[in-house]
Amino acid sequence: MHELRDYAPVLASGLSVIYVLFFYPLATFRYRIAEGGIEMDWTVFGFIRISRKRFDLEEIESAGTTTFLRCLWTGRGFHVFGNIFSRRGVAIILKRGVIWTSFGKTIYLTPRDPDAFISQVRRRREPGSPAN
């Protein structure tokens, strides 16, 4: 009789396929700039939280609009926290990587209005701003 561990590679592959085909297309990404940081929530069906991340505004080196493919071609390690099928998103470049010094410096987001999001981030990063 086969044990469950004999099927581990098949189960892992199946879970990966479910993750990509089910959770990602149904995902909703929400971003909130508050208390000196950016909070990001990734939910499915509007209430099942897959992931939540937060980083301080002080950690940001720069922010600009881009596409997922352009973000991919920059050659830096990056973390996707947005819809890769979106036409435009925001690439936030951190001063240090999220895993180590160079890897994970770029975070790709897809707010509804990328230009307004970048303006709000830049305003909040200014010295003396109330949220900073």
C-alpha atoms as a PDB file:
ATOM      1  CA  MET A   1       0.000   0.000   0.000  1.00  0.00           C
ATOM      2  CA  HIS A   2       1.317   3.414  -0.925  1.00  0.00           C
ATOM      3  CA  GLU A   3       1.827   6.040   1.719  1.00  0.00           C
ATOM      4  CA  LEU A   4       0.972   9.707   1.399  1.00  0.00           C
ATOM      5  CA  ARG A   5       4.643  10.704   1.206  1.00  0.00           C
ATOM      6  CA  ASP A   6       4.965   8.661  -2.001  1.00  0.00           C
ATOM      7  CA  TYR A   7       2.592  11.136  -3.607  1.00  0.00           C
ATOM      8  CA  ALA A   8       4.229  14.285  -2.181  1.00  0.00           C
ATOM      9  CA  PRO A   9       5.705  15.517  -5.511  1.00  0.00           C
ATOM     10  CA  VAL A  10       2.370  15.047  -7.270  1.00  0.00           C
ATOM     11  CA  LEU A  11       0.485  16.813  -4.464  1.00  0.00           C
ATOM     12  CA  ALA A  12       2.981  19.703  -4.433  1.00  0.00           C
ATOM     13  CA  SER A  13       2.648  20.134  -8.197  1.00  0.00           C
ATOM     14  CA  GLY A  14      -1.130  20.006  -7.936  1.00  0.00           C
ATOM     15  CA  LEU A  15      -1.160  22.637  -5.206  1.00  0.00           C
ATOM     16  CA  SER A  16       1.090  24.866  -7.318  1.00  0.00           C
ATOM     17  CA  VAL A  17      -1.302  24.581 -10.254  1.00  0.00           C
ATOM     18  CA  ILE A  18      -4.283  25.362  -8.015  1.00  0.00           C
ATOM     19  CA  TYR A  19      -2.414  28.362  -6.610  1.00  0.00           C
ATOM     20  CA  VAL A  20      -1.647  29.813 -10.050  1.00  0.00           C
ATOM     21  CA  LEU A  21      -4.928  28.958 -11.776  1.00  0.00           C
ATOM     22  CA  PHE A  22      -7.308  29.594  -8.903  1.00  0.00           C
ATOM     23  CA  PHE A  23      -5.955  32.026  -6.328  1.00  0.00           C
ATOM     24  CA  TYR A  24      -4.069  34.411  -8.582  1.00  0.00           C
ATOM     25  CA  PRO A  25      -6.795  35.254 -11.166  1.00  0.00           C
ATOM     26  CA  LEU A  26      -9.366  35.694  -8.385  1.00  0.00           C
ATOM     27  CA  ALA A  27      -7.026  37.814  -6.289  1.00  0.00           C
ATOM     28  CA  THR A  28      -7.678  41.328  -5.093  1.00  0.00           C
ATOM     29  CA  PHE A  29      -4.755  43.494  -4.096  1.00  0.00           C
ATOM     30  CA  ARG A  30      -5.352  46.371  -1.707  1.00  0.00           C
ATOM     31  CA  TYR A  31      -2.860  49.058  -0.779  1.00  0.00           C
ATOM     32  CA  ARG A  32      -3.055  51.553   2.036  1.00  0.00           C
ATOM     33  CA  ILE A  33      -0.608  54.289   2.943  1.00  0.00           C
ATOM     34  CA  ALA A  34      -0.909  54.864   6.670  1.00  0.00           C
ATOM     35  CA  GLU A  35       1.163  55.433   9.780  1.00  0.00           C
ATOM     36  CA  GLY A  36       4.394  56.023   7.858  1.00  0.00           C
ATOM     37  CA  GLY A  37       4.188  52.826   5.803  1.00  0.00           C
ATOM     38  CA  ILE A  38       2.515  51.004   2.953  1.00  0.00           C
ATOM     39  CA  GLU A  39       0.273  48.094   3.875  1.00  0.00           C
ATOM     40  CA  MET A  40      -0.536  45.554   1.174  1.00  0.00           C
ATOM     41  CA  ASP A  41      -3.235  42.874   1.377  1.00  0.00           C
ATOM     42  CA  TRP A  42      -3.733  40.044  -1.087  1.00  0.00           C
ATOM     43  CA  THR A  43      -7.185  38.484  -0.741  1.00  0.00           C
ATOM     44  CA  VAL A  44      -9.315  36.019  -2.662  1.00  0.00           C
ATOM     45  CA  PHE A  45     -13.109  36.399  -2.881  1.00  0.00           C
ATOM     46  CA  GLY A  46     -12.684  39.676  -1.011  1.00  0.00           C
ATOM     47  CA  PHE A  47     -12.269  38.090   2.418  1.00  0.00           C
ATOM     48  CA  ILE A  48      -9.759  35.184   2.370  1.00  0.00           C
ATOM     49  CA  ARG A  49      -6.372  36.746   3.076  1.00  0.00           C
ATOM     50  CA  ILE A  50      -3.510  35.042   1.262  1.00  0.00           C
ATOM     51  CA  SER A  51      -0.806  37.454   2.344  1.00  0.00           C
ATOM     52  CA  ARG A  52      -0.210  40.769   4.108  1.00  0.00           C
ATOM     53  CA  LYS A  53       2.990  42.816   3.847  1.00  0.00           C
ATOM     54  CA  ARG A  54       4.056  46.159   5.253  1.00  0.00           C
ATOM     55  CA  PHE A  55       7.118  48.323   4.837  1.00  0.00           C
ATOM     56  CA  ASP A  56       8.034  51.797   6.047  1.00  0.00           C
ATOM     57  CA  LEU A  57       8.082  54.816   3.750  1.00  0.00           C
ATOM     58  CA  GLU A  58      11.631  55.479   4.954  1.00  0.00           C
ATOM     59  CA  GLU A  59      12.731  52.245   3.244  1.00  0.00           C
ATOM     60  CA  ILE A  60      11.752  53.574  -0.223  1.00  0.00           C
ATOM     61  CA  GLU A  61      14.510  54.744  -2.537  1.00  0.00           C
ATOM     62  CA  SER A  62      12.230  55.623  -5.471  1.00  0.00           C
ATOM     63  CA  ALA A  63       8.850  54.863  -7.032  1.00  0.00           C
ATOM     64  CA  GLY A  64       7.641  55.053 -10.607  1.00  0.00           C
ATOM     65  CA  THR A  65       5.078  53.659 -13.033  1.00  0.00           C
ATOM     66  CA  THR A  66       6.006  50.684 -15.149  1.00  0.00           C
ATOM     67  CA  THR A  67       4.640  47.475 -16.644  1.00  0.00           C
ATOM     68  CA  PHE A  68       5.150  43.998 -15.256  1.00  0.00           C
ATOM     69  CA  LEU A  69       7.399  42.999 -18.170  1.00  0.00           C
ATOM     70  CA  ARG A  70       9.597  46.079 -17.779  1.00  0.00           C
ATOM     71  CA  CYS A  71       9.837  45.354 -14.063  1.00  0.00           C
ATOM     72  CA  LEU A  72      10.829  41.781 -14.931  1.00  0.00           C
ATOM     73  CA  TRP A  73      13.545  42.924 -17.364  1.00  0.00           C
ATOM     74  CA  THR A  74      15.306  45.226 -14.886  1.00  0.00           C
ATOM     75  CA  GLY A  75      17.348  42.286 -13.670  1.00  0.00           C
ATOM     76  CA  ARG A  76      16.790  42.942  -9.966  1.00  0.00           C
ATOM     77  CA  GLY A  77      15.079  40.462  -7.762  1.00  0.00           C
ATOM     78  CA  PHE A  78      11.549  41.634  -7.148  1.00  0.00           C
ATOM     79  CA  HIS A  79       8.409  40.778  -5.281  1.00  0.00           C
ATOM     80  CA  VAL A  80       5.119  40.825  -7.174  1.00  0.00           C
ATOM     81  CA  PHE A  81       2.301  42.099  -5.050  1.00  0.00           C
ATOM     82  CA  GLY A  82      -0.098  43.034  -7.829  1.00  0.00           C
ATOM     83  CA  ASN A  83      -1.895  41.869 -10.938  1.00  0.00           C
ATOM     84  CA  ILE A  84       0.708  40.927 -13.574  1.00  0.00           C
ATOM     85  CA  PHE A  85      -1.929  41.333 -16.295  1.00  0.00           C
ATOM     86  CA  SER A  86      -2.414  45.008 -15.493  1.00  0.00           C
ATOM     87  CA  ARG A  87      -1.288  47.464 -18.167  1.00  0.00           C
ATOM     88  CA  ARG A  88       0.528  49.732 -15.729  1.00  0.00           C
ATOM     89  CA  GLY A  89       1.696  49.309 -12.211  1.00  0.00           C
ATOM     90  CA  VAL A  90       4.072  50.851  -9.734  1.00  0.00           C
ATOM     91  CA  ALA A  91       7.629  49.711  -9.126  1.00  0.00           C
ATOM     92  CA  ILE A  92       8.759  50.681  -5.656  1.00  0.00           C
ATOM     93  CA  ILE A  93      12.510  50.416  -5.277  1.00  0.00           C
ATOM     94  CA  LEU A  94      13.641  49.854  -1.717  1.00  0.00           C
ATOM     95  CA  LYS A  95      16.953  51.006  -0.269  1.00  0.00           C
ATOM     96  CA  ARG A  96      17.709  47.415   0.751  1.00  0.00           C
ATOM     97  CA  GLY A  97      16.329  44.146  -0.514  1.00  0.00           C
ATOM     98  CA  VAL A  98      13.680  42.272   1.420  1.00  0.00           C
ATOM     99  CA  ILE A  99      15.717  39.076   1.590  1.00  0.00           C
ATOM    100  CA  TRP A 100      19.283  40.380   1.538  1.00  0.00           C
ATOM    101  CA  THR A 101      21.043  43.551   0.394  1.00  0.00           C
ATOM    102  CA  SER A 102      20.404  43.297  -3.348  1.00  0.00           C
ATOM    103  CA  PHE A 103      17.646  40.729  -3.872  1.00  0.00           C
ATOM    104  CA  GLY A 104      14.065  41.857  -3.607  1.00  0.00           C
ATOM    105  CA  LYS A 105      14.699  45.567  -3.960  1.00  0.00           C
ATOM    106  CA  THR A 106      11.755  46.083  -6.305  1.00  0.00           C
ATOM    107  CA  ILE A 107       8.128  45.571  -5.311  1.00  0.00           C
ATOM    108  CA  TYR A 108       5.570  45.563  -8.127  1.00  0.00           C
ATOM    109  CA  LEU A 109       2.122  46.919  -7.159  1.00  0.00           C
ATOM    110  CA  THR A 110      -1.020  47.620  -9.168  1.00  0.00           C
ATOM    111  CA  PRO A 111      -3.133  50.309  -7.509  1.00  0.00           C
ATOM    112  CA  ARG A 112      -6.201  51.580  -9.395  1.00  0.00           C
ATOM    113  CA  ASP A 113      -4.513  54.907 -10.162  1.00  0.00           C
ATOM    114  CA  PRO A 114      -0.711  54.422 -10.280  1.00  0.00           C
ATOM    115  CA  ASP A 115       0.043  58.143 -10.754  1.00  0.00           C
ATOM    116  CA  ALA A 116      -2.067  59.191  -7.765  1.00  0.00           C
ATOM    117  CA  PHE A 117      -0.510  56.422  -5.659  1.00  0.00           C
ATOM    118  CA  ILE A 118       3.020  57.591  -6.487  1.00  0.00           C
ATOM    119  CA  SER A 119       2.072  61.216  -5.734  1.00  0.00           C
ATOM    120  CA  GLN A 120       0.688  60.173  -2.375  1.00  0.00           C
ATOM    121  CA  VAL A 121       3.831  58.157  -1.543  1.00  0.00           C
ATOM    122  CA  ARG A 122       6.077  61.069  -2.502  1.00  0.00           C
ATOM    123  CA  ARG A 123       3.997  63.533  -0.457  1.00  0.00           C
ATOM    124  CA  ARG A 124       4.097  61.303   2.606  1.00  0.00           C
ATOM    125  CA  ARG A 125       7.870  60.858   2.290  1.00  0.00           C
ATOM    126  CA  GLU A 126       8.531  64.602   2.385  1.00  0.00           C
ATOM    127  CA  PRO A 127      10.166  65.816   5.610  1.00  0.00           C
ATOM    128  CA  GLY A 128       7.634  67.324   7.981  1.00  0.00           C
ATOM    129  CA  SER A 129       4.611  65.624   6.431  1.00  0.00           C
ATOM    130  CA  PRO A 130       1.986  64.621   9.037  1.00  0.00           C
ATOM    131  CA  ALA A 131       2.149  60.911   8.167  1.00  0.00           C
ATOM    132  CA  ASN A 132       5.929  60.719   8.243  1.00  0.00           C
END
